[in-house]
N, C-alpha and C. Protein backbone atom coordinates (compact mmCIF):
# COMPACT_ATOMS: atom_id res chain seq x y z
N TRP A 1 -72.14 24.00 -38.42
CA TRP A 1 -71.99 23.84 -39.74
C TRP A 1 -72.23 23.48 -40.55
N ASP A 2 -72.68 22.67 -41.64
CA ASP A 2 -72.55 21.51 -41.85
C ASP A 2 -71.62 22.04 -43.62
N THR A 3 -70.64 21.11 -43.47
CA THR A 3 -69.67 21.30 -44.58
C THR A 3 -70.11 20.48 -45.81
N GLY A 4 -70.72 19.28 -45.48
CA GLY A 4 -70.96 18.23 -46.34
C GLY A 4 -69.21 16.96 -46.49
N TRP A 5 -68.96 17.29 -45.61
CA TRP A 5 -67.93 16.39 -45.30
C TRP A 5 -68.05 15.43 -44.16
N GLU A 6 -67.72 14.34 -44.49
CA GLU A 6 -68.34 13.53 -43.02
C GLU A 6 -66.63 12.90 -42.57
N PHE A 7 -66.36 12.94 -41.29
CA PHE A 7 -65.03 11.96 -41.29
C PHE A 7 -65.57 10.92 -40.32
N ARG A 8 -64.77 10.28 -40.38
CA ARG A 8 -64.97 9.13 -39.62
C ARG A 8 -63.42 8.56 -38.82
N MET A 9 -63.89 8.28 -37.52
CA MET A 9 -62.58 7.55 -37.13
C MET A 9 -63.21 6.05 -37.11
N ALA A 10 -61.15 5.31 -37.05
CA ALA A 10 -61.43 4.07 -36.94
C ALA A 10 -61.88 3.43 -35.76
N SER A 11 -62.37 2.59 -35.71
CA SER A 11 -63.23 1.68 -34.58
C SER A 11 -62.45 0.81 -34.06
N SER A 12 -61.24 0.72 -34.61
CA SER A 12 -60.16 -0.31 -33.82
C SER A 12 -59.17 0.27 -34.31
N PRO A 13 -57.76 -0.65 -33.47
CA PRO A 13 -56.36 0.47 -34.07
C PRO A 13 -56.24 -0.49 -35.41
N VAL A 14 -55.44 0.32 -36.28
CA VAL A 14 -54.94 0.10 -37.61
C VAL A 14 -53.97 -1.36 -37.30
N LEU A 15 -54.80 -2.42 -37.98
CA LEU A 15 -54.04 -3.82 -38.00
C LEU A 15 -52.52 -4.16 -38.80
N TYR A 16 -52.34 -3.59 -39.61
CA TYR A 16 -51.20 -3.22 -40.90
C TYR A 16 -51.05 -2.35 -40.78
N PRO A 17 -50.16 -1.56 -39.36
CA PRO A 17 -49.26 -0.44 -40.20
C PRO A 17 -48.58 -0.41 -41.42
N PRO A 18 -48.11 0.80 -41.73
CA PRO A 18 -47.02 0.86 -42.91
C PRO A 18 -46.14 0.60 -42.19
N PRO A 19 -44.92 0.37 -43.25
CA PRO A 19 -43.57 0.54 -42.44
C PRO A 19 -43.36 1.78 -42.12
N ALA A 20 -41.99 1.86 -41.46
CA ALA A 20 -41.65 3.27 -41.03
C ALA A 20 -41.13 4.19 -41.90
N TRP A 21 -41.18 5.44 -42.09
CA TRP A 21 -40.88 6.68 -43.13
C TRP A 21 -39.65 6.41 -43.05
N THR A 22 -38.58 6.18 -44.01
CA THR A 22 -37.00 6.24 -44.13
C THR A 22 -36.61 7.08 -45.02
N ASN A 23 -37.94 7.42 -46.24
CA ASN A 23 -37.57 8.37 -47.31
C ASN A 23 -36.55 7.33 -48.34
N GLN A 24 -37.41 5.96 -48.38
CA GLN A 24 -36.96 5.08 -49.33
C GLN A 24 -36.95 5.22 -50.40
N GLU A 25 -36.35 4.60 -51.34
CA GLU A 25 -36.73 5.18 -52.81
C GLU A 25 -38.11 4.93 -53.56
N ILE A 26 -38.26 5.66 -54.34
CA ILE A 26 -39.71 5.48 -54.71
C ILE A 26 -40.20 4.56 -56.13
N VAL A 27 -40.37 3.19 -56.13
CA VAL A 27 -41.02 2.06 -56.84
C VAL A 27 -41.66 2.56 -58.22
N LEU A 28 -41.48 2.33 -59.43
CA LEU A 28 -42.11 2.99 -60.73
C LEU A 28 -41.91 1.73 -61.45
N TYR A 29 -43.09 2.24 -62.80
CA TYR A 29 -43.24 0.87 -63.50
C TYR A 29 -43.38 1.39 -64.68
N HIS A 30 -42.75 0.92 -65.92
CA HIS A 30 -43.21 1.00 -67.17
C HIS A 30 -42.97 0.05 -67.89
N GLY A 31 -44.30 0.34 -68.65
CA GLY A 31 -44.90 -0.81 -69.28
C GLY A 31 -44.54 -1.07 -70.47
N THR A 32 -44.60 -1.62 -71.10
CA THR A 32 -43.71 -1.47 -72.77
C THR A 32 -43.77 -3.23 -73.18
N VAL A 33 -43.15 -3.28 -74.28
CA VAL A 33 -42.94 -4.68 -74.85
C VAL A 33 -41.43 -4.84 -74.89
N ASP A 34 -40.75 -6.34 -75.42
CA ASP A 34 -39.79 -7.07 -74.79
C ASP A 34 -38.60 -6.25 -75.21
N THR A 35 -38.61 -5.84 -76.81
CA THR A 35 -37.36 -5.51 -77.12
C THR A 35 -37.28 -3.96 -76.92
N ALA A 36 -37.91 -3.25 -76.41
CA ALA A 36 -37.65 -2.07 -76.01
C ALA A 36 -37.23 -1.76 -74.17
N ALA A 37 -38.14 -3.04 -73.62
CA ALA A 37 -37.76 -3.28 -72.42
C ALA A 37 -36.10 -3.49 -72.05
N ALA A 38 -35.28 -4.30 -73.13
CA ALA A 38 -33.86 -4.55 -73.41
C ALA A 38 -33.22 -3.28 -73.80
N VAL A 39 -33.70 -2.38 -74.12
CA VAL A 39 -32.99 -1.13 -74.72
C VAL A 39 -33.23 -0.85 -73.18
N ILE A 40 -34.37 -0.28 -72.66
CA ILE A 40 -34.15 0.70 -71.60
C ILE A 40 -33.46 0.27 -70.22
N LEU A 41 -32.89 -1.34 -70.11
CA LEU A 41 -32.30 -1.69 -69.25
C LEU A 41 -30.53 -2.18 -69.29
N LYS A 42 -30.26 -2.00 -70.86
CA LYS A 42 -29.34 -1.34 -70.64
C LYS A 42 -28.59 0.09 -71.29
N GLY A 43 -29.59 0.65 -71.42
CA GLY A 43 -29.62 2.17 -71.18
C GLY A 43 -29.00 2.98 -72.68
N PRO A 44 -28.74 3.86 -72.25
CA PRO A 44 -29.42 5.03 -71.94
C PRO A 44 -30.70 5.35 -71.82
N ILE A 45 -31.69 5.96 -71.10
CA ILE A 45 -33.08 6.13 -71.15
C ILE A 45 -33.25 7.41 -71.66
N LEU A 46 -33.84 7.88 -72.96
CA LEU A 46 -33.83 8.55 -73.92
C LEU A 46 -35.27 9.32 -74.37
N THR A 47 -35.29 10.65 -73.45
CA THR A 47 -36.71 10.85 -72.95
C THR A 47 -37.45 11.33 -74.46
N ARG A 48 -36.68 11.89 -75.47
CA ARG A 48 -36.84 12.69 -76.53
C ARG A 48 -37.25 11.29 -77.88
N LEU A 49 -37.11 10.05 -77.19
CA LEU A 49 -38.19 9.12 -78.05
C LEU A 49 -39.68 8.75 -77.75
N GLY A 50 -39.72 9.42 -76.98
CA GLY A 50 -41.53 9.29 -76.76
C GLY A 50 -42.09 10.28 -77.58
N ARG A 51 -43.38 9.21 -77.90
CA ARG A 51 -44.43 10.19 -78.63
C ARG A 51 -44.65 10.99 -78.34
N THR A 52 -45.53 11.70 -79.38
CA THR A 52 -45.92 13.18 -79.34
C THR A 52 -47.89 12.53 -79.19
N HIS A 53 -48.30 13.82 -79.08
CA HIS A 53 -49.89 13.44 -78.59
C HIS A 53 -50.63 12.91 -77.34
N THR A 54 -49.29 12.55 -76.17
CA THR A 54 -49.58 12.11 -75.18
C THR A 54 -50.39 13.38 -74.23
N ASP A 55 -50.79 12.55 -73.33
CA ASP A 55 -51.31 13.40 -71.96
C ASP A 55 -49.87 14.62 -71.56
N PHE A 56 -48.98 14.61 -71.16
CA PHE A 56 -48.30 15.04 -70.75
C PHE A 56 -47.18 15.77 -72.13
N GLY A 57 -47.04 15.04 -73.41
CA GLY A 57 -46.53 15.24 -74.19
C GLY A 57 -45.10 14.80 -74.26
N PRO A 58 -44.11 14.35 -74.96
CA PRO A 58 -43.37 13.47 -75.76
C PRO A 58 -42.49 13.17 -74.47
N GLY A 59 -42.51 12.08 -74.08
CA GLY A 59 -41.66 11.69 -72.82
C GLY A 59 -41.19 10.27 -72.37
N PHE A 60 -40.96 9.93 -71.02
CA PHE A 60 -40.86 8.47 -71.10
C PHE A 60 -41.74 8.57 -69.83
N TYR A 61 -42.77 7.42 -70.00
CA TYR A 61 -43.66 7.68 -68.66
C TYR A 61 -43.55 6.24 -68.22
N THR A 62 -44.01 6.40 -66.77
CA THR A 62 -44.43 5.27 -65.59
C THR A 62 -45.07 5.29 -64.59
N THR A 63 -45.17 4.86 -63.85
CA THR A 63 -46.76 4.76 -62.80
C THR A 63 -46.36 3.93 -61.96
N THR A 64 -46.80 4.50 -60.62
CA THR A 64 -46.67 4.07 -59.32
C THR A 64 -47.17 2.43 -59.58
N LEU A 65 -48.32 2.35 -60.08
CA LEU A 65 -48.77 1.15 -60.05
C LEU A 65 -48.79 -0.52 -61.10
N LEU A 66 -48.36 -1.50 -60.47
CA LEU A 66 -47.55 -2.67 -61.39
C LEU A 66 -49.10 -2.99 -62.36
N ARG A 67 -50.33 -2.86 -61.76
CA ARG A 67 -50.84 -3.55 -62.37
C ARG A 67 -51.27 -2.46 -63.86
N GLN A 68 -51.13 -1.58 -63.66
CA GLN A 68 -51.38 -0.01 -64.75
C GLN A 68 -49.90 -0.49 -65.69
N ALA A 69 -48.96 -0.82 -65.16
CA ALA A 69 -47.93 -1.12 -66.31
C ALA A 69 -48.04 -2.38 -67.21
N HIS A 70 -48.74 -3.33 -66.06
CA HIS A 70 -49.16 -4.60 -66.82
C HIS A 70 -50.22 -4.44 -68.12
N THR A 71 -51.01 -3.23 -68.01
CA THR A 71 -52.23 -3.02 -68.71
C THR A 71 -51.41 -2.73 -69.99
N TRP A 72 -50.28 -1.63 -69.94
CA TRP A 72 -49.95 -0.64 -71.02
C TRP A 72 -49.14 -1.68 -71.27
N ALA A 73 -48.44 -2.72 -71.04
CA ALA A 73 -47.64 -3.52 -71.70
C ALA A 73 -48.56 -4.63 -72.73
N ALA A 74 -49.44 -4.89 -72.16
CA ALA A 74 -50.62 -5.74 -72.93
C ALA A 74 -51.04 -5.28 -74.17
N GLN A 75 -51.39 -3.46 -73.81
CA GLN A 75 -52.01 -2.88 -74.68
C GLN A 75 -50.91 -2.71 -76.07
N ILE A 76 -49.70 -2.11 -75.58
CA ILE A 76 -48.72 -2.25 -76.94
C ILE A 76 -48.15 -3.23 -77.07
N ALA A 77 -47.78 -4.76 -76.63
CA ALA A 77 -47.98 -5.93 -77.30
C ALA A 77 -48.99 -6.53 -78.46
N ALA A 78 -50.38 -5.48 -78.28
CA ALA A 78 -51.77 -5.89 -78.92
C ALA A 78 -51.20 -5.51 -80.44
N THR A 79 -50.54 -4.76 -80.16
CA THR A 79 -50.90 -3.43 -81.92
C THR A 79 -49.32 -4.32 -82.48
N LYS A 80 -48.75 -5.28 -81.72
CA LYS A 80 -47.56 -5.70 -82.93
C LYS A 80 -47.90 -7.63 -82.68
N PRO A 81 -48.94 -8.07 -83.08
CA PRO A 81 -49.08 -9.73 -82.99
C PRO A 81 -48.29 -10.32 -83.93
N GLY A 82 -47.81 -10.95 -82.90
CA GLY A 82 -46.22 -12.28 -83.15
C GLY A 82 -44.82 -11.40 -83.36
N LEU A 83 -44.89 -10.32 -82.98
CA LEU A 83 -43.66 -9.47 -82.76
C LEU A 83 -43.00 -9.30 -81.83
N ALA A 84 -44.08 -8.85 -81.03
CA ALA A 84 -43.76 -8.61 -79.45
C ALA A 84 -44.73 -9.28 -78.46
N GLN A 85 -43.46 -9.36 -77.04
CA GLN A 85 -44.26 -9.91 -75.75
C GLN A 85 -44.44 -8.69 -74.80
N PRO A 86 -45.65 -8.47 -74.11
CA PRO A 86 -45.53 -7.48 -72.71
C PRO A 86 -44.61 -8.01 -71.91
N ALA A 87 -43.74 -6.39 -72.09
CA ALA A 87 -42.74 -6.63 -70.64
C ALA A 87 -42.67 -5.88 -69.14
N VAL A 88 -42.51 -5.59 -68.73
CA VAL A 88 -42.67 -4.07 -67.52
C VAL A 88 -41.07 -4.33 -67.32
N VAL A 89 -40.84 -2.81 -66.81
CA VAL A 89 -39.99 -2.58 -66.61
C VAL A 89 -39.93 -1.38 -64.73
N GLU A 90 -39.22 -2.11 -63.92
CA GLU A 90 -39.46 -1.63 -62.70
C GLU A 90 -38.02 -0.79 -62.61
N LEU A 91 -38.31 0.53 -61.97
CA LEU A 91 -37.26 1.82 -61.90
C LEU A 91 -37.68 1.67 -60.58
N ARG A 92 -36.35 2.15 -59.84
CA ARG A 92 -36.27 2.43 -57.82
C ARG A 92 -35.51 3.55 -58.07
N ILE A 93 -36.13 4.60 -57.83
CA ILE A 93 -35.52 6.00 -57.76
C ILE A 93 -35.83 6.80 -56.42
N SER A 94 -34.43 7.59 -56.57
CA SER A 94 -34.11 8.37 -55.12
C SER A 94 -35.28 9.42 -55.01
N ARG A 95 -35.80 9.47 -53.66
CA ARG A 95 -37.01 10.42 -53.82
C ARG A 95 -36.15 11.64 -53.67
N ASN A 96 -35.16 12.40 -52.93
CA ASN A 96 -34.04 12.97 -53.63
C ASN A 96 -33.77 13.45 -54.39
N ASP A 97 -33.22 12.17 -55.29
CA ASP A 97 -33.03 12.66 -56.97
C ASP A 97 -34.22 13.70 -57.72
N LEU A 98 -35.84 12.62 -57.24
CA LEU A 98 -36.49 13.45 -58.04
C LEU A 98 -37.21 15.04 -57.34
N ALA A 99 -36.87 15.02 -55.97
CA ALA A 99 -37.09 16.65 -55.59
C ALA A 99 -36.56 17.39 -56.06
N ARG A 100 -35.07 16.93 -57.24
CA ARG A 100 -34.45 17.78 -57.31
C ARG A 100 -34.58 18.65 -58.64
N LEU A 101 -35.89 17.74 -59.29
CA LEU A 101 -36.34 17.48 -60.85
C LEU A 101 -37.85 19.04 -60.81
N GLU A 102 -37.78 19.93 -61.79
CA GLU A 102 -38.63 21.21 -61.61
C GLU A 102 -40.05 20.41 -62.36
N SER A 103 -40.68 20.24 -61.58
CA SER A 103 -42.15 19.22 -61.49
C SER A 103 -43.31 20.01 -61.51
N LEU A 104 -44.22 19.74 -62.38
CA LEU A 104 -45.42 19.95 -62.29
C LEU A 104 -46.50 18.63 -61.82
N ALA A 105 -47.36 18.88 -60.84
CA ALA A 105 -48.64 17.66 -59.73
C ALA A 105 -49.64 18.34 -60.31
N PHE A 106 -50.72 17.73 -60.55
CA PHE A 106 -51.99 17.15 -60.67
C PHE A 106 -52.22 16.29 -59.63
N VAL A 107 -53.43 16.98 -58.90
CA VAL A 107 -53.97 15.69 -57.74
C VAL A 107 -55.45 15.58 -58.68
N ARG A 108 -56.13 16.41 -59.21
CA ARG A 108 -57.50 16.20 -59.66
C ARG A 108 -57.77 15.64 -61.01
N GLY A 109 -58.39 15.28 -61.61
CA GLY A 109 -58.40 14.99 -62.60
C GLY A 109 -59.79 14.89 -63.09
N ASP A 110 -60.78 15.49 -62.07
CA ASP A 110 -62.37 15.46 -62.44
C ASP A 110 -63.01 16.55 -63.44
N PHE A 111 -63.74 16.62 -63.78
CA PHE A 111 -64.26 17.27 -65.02
C PHE A 111 -63.97 19.28 -64.77
N HIS A 112 -63.69 19.37 -63.63
CA HIS A 112 -63.83 20.90 -62.98
C HIS A 112 -62.43 21.32 -63.05
N ALA A 113 -61.49 20.32 -63.28
CA ALA A 113 -59.94 20.49 -62.79
C ALA A 113 -59.58 21.07 -64.13
N ASP A 114 -59.58 22.07 -64.29
CA ASP A 114 -59.77 23.13 -65.59
C ASP A 114 -57.83 22.70 -65.87
N ASP A 115 -56.98 23.74 -64.89
CA ASP A 115 -55.35 23.30 -65.32
C ASP A 115 -55.17 21.92 -66.16
N PHE A 116 -55.71 21.08 -65.58
CA PHE A 116 -55.08 19.61 -65.70
C PHE A 116 -55.46 18.95 -67.57
N TRP A 117 -56.89 19.84 -67.45
CA TRP A 117 -57.40 19.22 -68.90
C TRP A 117 -56.85 20.16 -69.96
N SER A 118 -56.26 21.68 -69.10
CA SER A 118 -55.99 22.56 -69.98
C SER A 118 -54.43 21.88 -70.76
N LEU A 119 -53.70 21.69 -69.76
CA LEU A 119 -52.16 20.84 -70.42
C LEU A 119 -52.10 19.71 -71.26
N ILE A 120 -53.65 19.10 -70.98
CA ILE A 120 -53.60 17.41 -71.37
C ILE A 120 -53.73 17.90 -72.74
N HIS A 121 -55.07 18.67 -72.91
CA HIS A 121 -55.58 19.18 -74.41
C HIS A 121 -54.34 20.01 -75.48
N HIS A 122 -53.55 20.76 -74.63
CA HIS A 122 -52.46 21.48 -75.19
C HIS A 122 -51.45 20.55 -75.85
N CYS A 123 -50.63 19.68 -74.77
CA CYS A 123 -49.87 18.09 -75.06
C CYS A 123 -51.31 16.83 -76.31
N ARG A 124 -51.96 17.31 -76.12
CA ARG A 124 -52.42 15.69 -77.06
C ARG A 124 -53.06 16.19 -78.72
N ARG A 125 -52.56 17.56 -78.57
CA ARG A 125 -52.87 18.65 -79.74
C ARG A 125 -51.52 18.29 -80.35
N GLY A 126 -50.44 17.60 -79.52
CA GLY A 126 -49.10 17.83 -80.71
C GLY A 126 -48.14 19.05 -80.28
N ALA A 127 -48.59 19.28 -78.96
CA ALA A 127 -47.22 20.79 -78.39
C ALA A 127 -46.22 20.31 -78.38
N THR A 128 -45.56 20.70 -78.53
CA THR A 128 -43.91 20.69 -78.24
C THR A 128 -43.21 21.43 -77.22
N ASP A 129 -44.06 21.51 -76.15
CA ASP A 129 -43.47 22.19 -74.98
C ASP A 129 -44.60 22.42 -73.98
N HIS A 130 -44.41 22.59 -72.29
CA HIS A 130 -45.74 22.50 -71.58
C HIS A 130 -45.74 23.85 -71.36
N GLY A 131 -46.02 24.94 -72.16
CA GLY A 131 -45.92 26.48 -72.63
C GLY A 131 -45.13 27.47 -70.89
N ARG A 132 -44.29 26.83 -70.82
CA ARG A 132 -43.00 27.59 -70.04
C ARG A 132 -42.29 29.22 -70.68
N PRO A 133 -41.87 29.55 -69.91
CA PRO A 133 -41.17 30.90 -70.42
C PRO A 133 -40.07 30.02 -70.62
N ALA A 134 -39.17 31.05 -72.28
CA ALA A 134 -38.41 30.24 -72.52
C ALA A 134 -37.21 30.69 -71.89
N SER A 135 -37.02 31.17 -70.91
CA SER A 135 -35.78 31.54 -70.20
C SER A 135 -35.22 29.79 -69.15
N GLN A 136 -36.68 29.14 -69.08
CA GLN A 136 -37.04 27.96 -68.14
C GLN A 136 -37.08 26.48 -68.96
N GLY A 137 -36.76 26.38 -70.12
CA GLY A 137 -36.40 25.51 -70.89
C GLY A 137 -38.25 25.28 -71.24
N PRO A 138 -38.26 24.73 -72.54
CA PRO A 138 -39.63 24.12 -72.72
C PRO A 138 -40.72 23.05 -71.71
N TYR A 139 -39.80 22.29 -71.47
CA TYR A 139 -40.42 21.65 -70.85
C TYR A 139 -40.06 21.04 -68.60
N TYR A 140 -41.01 21.11 -68.16
CA TYR A 140 -40.65 20.72 -66.77
C TYR A 140 -40.28 19.07 -66.66
N ASP A 141 -39.20 18.83 -65.75
CA ASP A 141 -38.33 17.85 -66.05
C ASP A 141 -39.36 16.67 -66.07
N LEU A 142 -40.12 16.71 -64.94
CA LEU A 142 -41.19 15.45 -64.33
C LEU A 142 -42.53 15.62 -64.35
N VAL A 143 -43.74 15.52 -64.83
CA VAL A 143 -44.98 15.56 -64.47
C VAL A 143 -45.92 14.72 -64.04
N TYR A 144 -46.74 14.74 -62.94
CA TYR A 144 -47.06 14.02 -62.20
C TYR A 144 -48.56 13.91 -62.23
N GLY A 145 -49.44 13.18 -62.23
CA GLY A 145 -51.06 13.43 -62.22
C GLY A 145 -51.71 11.81 -62.87
N PRO A 146 -53.32 12.55 -62.90
CA PRO A 146 -54.41 11.21 -62.99
C PRO A 146 -53.76 10.89 -64.67
N VAL A 147 -54.45 9.81 -65.23
CA VAL A 147 -54.37 9.27 -66.56
C VAL A 147 -55.65 9.79 -67.44
N ALA A 148 -55.75 10.75 -68.11
CA ALA A 148 -56.86 10.81 -69.09
C ALA A 148 -57.41 9.46 -69.86
N ALA A 149 -58.85 9.36 -69.89
CA ALA A 149 -59.17 8.28 -70.63
C ALA A 149 -60.13 8.35 -72.04
N PHE A 150 -61.13 9.25 -71.61
CA PHE A 150 -61.62 10.35 -73.01
C PHE A 150 -60.76 11.75 -72.57
N TRP A 151 -60.20 11.76 -73.21
CA TRP A 151 -59.38 13.56 -73.15
C TRP A 151 -60.55 14.72 -73.50
N ASN A 152 -61.18 14.47 -74.60
CA ASN A 152 -61.86 15.15 -75.19
C ASN A 152 -63.26 15.95 -74.16
N GLN A 153 -63.89 14.41 -73.78
CA GLN A 153 -64.80 14.91 -72.53
C GLN A 153 -64.26 14.96 -71.23
N ARG A 154 -63.22 15.27 -70.87
CA ARG A 154 -62.56 15.51 -69.56
C ARG A 154 -63.26 14.31 -68.55
N MET A 155 -62.48 13.11 -69.16
CA MET A 155 -62.89 11.90 -68.51
C MET A 155 -61.42 11.20 -67.96
N SER A 156 -61.34 11.17 -67.09
CA SER A 156 -59.89 9.76 -66.39
C SER A 156 -59.94 8.92 -65.76
N ILE A 157 -58.90 8.23 -65.91
CA ILE A 157 -59.18 6.66 -65.22
C ILE A 157 -58.77 7.20 -63.86
N ALA A 158 -59.96 5.82 -63.40
CA ALA A 158 -60.28 6.00 -62.11
C ALA A 158 -58.89 5.01 -61.19
N ASP A 159 -58.28 5.61 -60.21
CA ASP A 159 -56.92 5.06 -59.41
C ASP A 159 -55.81 4.27 -60.26
N ALA A 160 -55.56 5.58 -61.54
CA ALA A 160 -54.62 5.80 -62.05
C ALA A 160 -53.74 6.69 -62.04
N ASP A 161 -52.22 6.85 -62.19
CA ASP A 161 -51.19 7.41 -62.35
C ASP A 161 -50.32 7.47 -63.21
N GLN A 162 -49.68 8.23 -63.29
CA GLN A 162 -48.83 8.56 -64.36
C GLN A 162 -47.22 9.96 -63.60
N LEU A 163 -46.08 9.52 -64.49
CA LEU A 163 -45.41 10.07 -64.24
C LEU A 163 -44.58 10.15 -65.41
N SER A 164 -44.32 11.22 -65.79
CA SER A 164 -43.51 11.31 -67.16
C SER A 164 -42.63 12.36 -67.38
N PHE A 165 -41.25 11.83 -67.45
CA PHE A 165 -40.38 12.90 -67.86
C PHE A 165 -39.27 13.32 -68.98
N HIS A 166 -39.46 14.47 -69.17
CA HIS A 166 -39.51 15.07 -69.74
C HIS A 166 -37.96 15.39 -70.95
N THR A 167 -36.98 15.77 -70.06
CA THR A 167 -35.65 16.66 -70.16
C THR A 167 -34.72 16.06 -69.50
N ALA A 168 -33.11 16.59 -69.80
CA ALA A 168 -32.14 16.00 -69.56
C ALA A 168 -31.80 15.54 -68.34
N ALA A 169 -32.39 16.56 -67.31
CA ALA A 169 -32.11 16.55 -65.82
C ALA A 169 -33.07 15.15 -65.57
N ALA A 170 -33.89 14.90 -65.99
CA ALA A 170 -34.85 14.21 -65.69
C ALA A 170 -33.73 12.52 -66.30
N GLU A 171 -33.58 12.25 -67.47
CA GLU A 171 -33.08 11.50 -68.19
C GLU A 171 -31.76 11.34 -67.14
N ALA A 172 -31.11 12.12 -66.56
CA ALA A 172 -29.87 11.39 -65.67
C ALA A 172 -30.44 10.92 -64.37
N VAL A 173 -31.75 11.60 -63.83
CA VAL A 173 -32.08 10.66 -62.74
C VAL A 173 -32.70 9.13 -62.70
N LEU A 174 -33.62 9.01 -64.41
CA LEU A 174 -34.05 7.81 -64.69
C LEU A 174 -32.32 6.76 -65.44
N ASN A 175 -31.52 7.22 -65.48
CA ASN A 175 -30.32 6.59 -65.63
C ASN A 175 -29.43 6.32 -64.10
N LYS A 176 -29.75 7.20 -63.44
CA LYS A 176 -29.01 6.80 -62.18
C LYS A 176 -29.63 5.76 -61.15
N SER A 177 -31.29 5.74 -61.79
CA SER A 177 -32.43 4.50 -61.09
C SER A 177 -31.62 2.76 -61.24
N VAL A 178 -32.25 2.42 -60.64
CA VAL A 178 -31.93 0.43 -60.75
C VAL A 178 -33.19 0.15 -61.17
N ARG A 179 -32.44 -0.51 -62.08
CA ARG A 179 -33.83 -1.19 -63.22
C ARG A 179 -33.58 -2.74 -63.61
N LYS A 180 -35.01 -3.37 -63.70
CA LYS A 180 -35.26 -4.44 -64.04
C LYS A 180 -35.84 -5.01 -64.35
N ARG A 181 -35.91 -5.88 -65.42
CA ARG A 181 -37.19 -6.36 -65.86
C ARG A 181 -38.09 -7.26 -64.89
N ILE A 182 -39.70 -7.07 -64.83
CA ILE A 182 -40.11 -8.27 -63.55
C ILE A 182 -41.02 -9.03 -64.56
N ILE A 183 -41.10 -8.62 -65.66
CA ILE A 183 -42.34 -9.29 -66.68
C ILE A 183 -41.93 -9.71 -68.08
C-alpha cells in the first residue's frame, strides 16, 4: 500500500543530541523599535495597545525565531527613518504559565488550511474578537501559528511563526516573564 509518504532512518547516530527535556522556559522574541522596547522592558506590557488588521487581531506579537524578530524590527524602524532604531526584546516564559492560557494553535498555513485562513481574513478585516461565544470572552488568550504573507492569496511565510497574546490573563504571563533587550 503506497501512501505517498517516505520515511528514512538516519544512517548514523545523532551527532548533536538536544539537551535533556526539563520543561524549560520558552524563549520568545518581539521585534520593535528602541522607544517601544524601553516601554516593554519597564512594563507592564498591555495587549490592548496592539494594532488592528493583523493576522490574529490586536495583541502583543512574538516569535520563537530571533531572525524573524530582527526582520520585524528593521521593517518597523524603516517606517520611522531617523526617529527610531531597530530593537529586539527577548522574553523567557514559563511553559506551565503558557499552558494555563486558553490557546488556539494552527500548525498549517498552506492554501487548504481553511480554518487558519478563515481567522486571518476575519482579523485582517478589522474584527474586534475571535468569534467566541460571549460567555468565554471575545479573544483567546494566546494564538499560535504561521505568519501570513499575502493573506488574500492564502500564502504564508515559510519557516516563520507567531505567538500573539490578547487578554488580561495573557498580559499577566507576559509581565511575569524575564525580559531583556538583545539588540
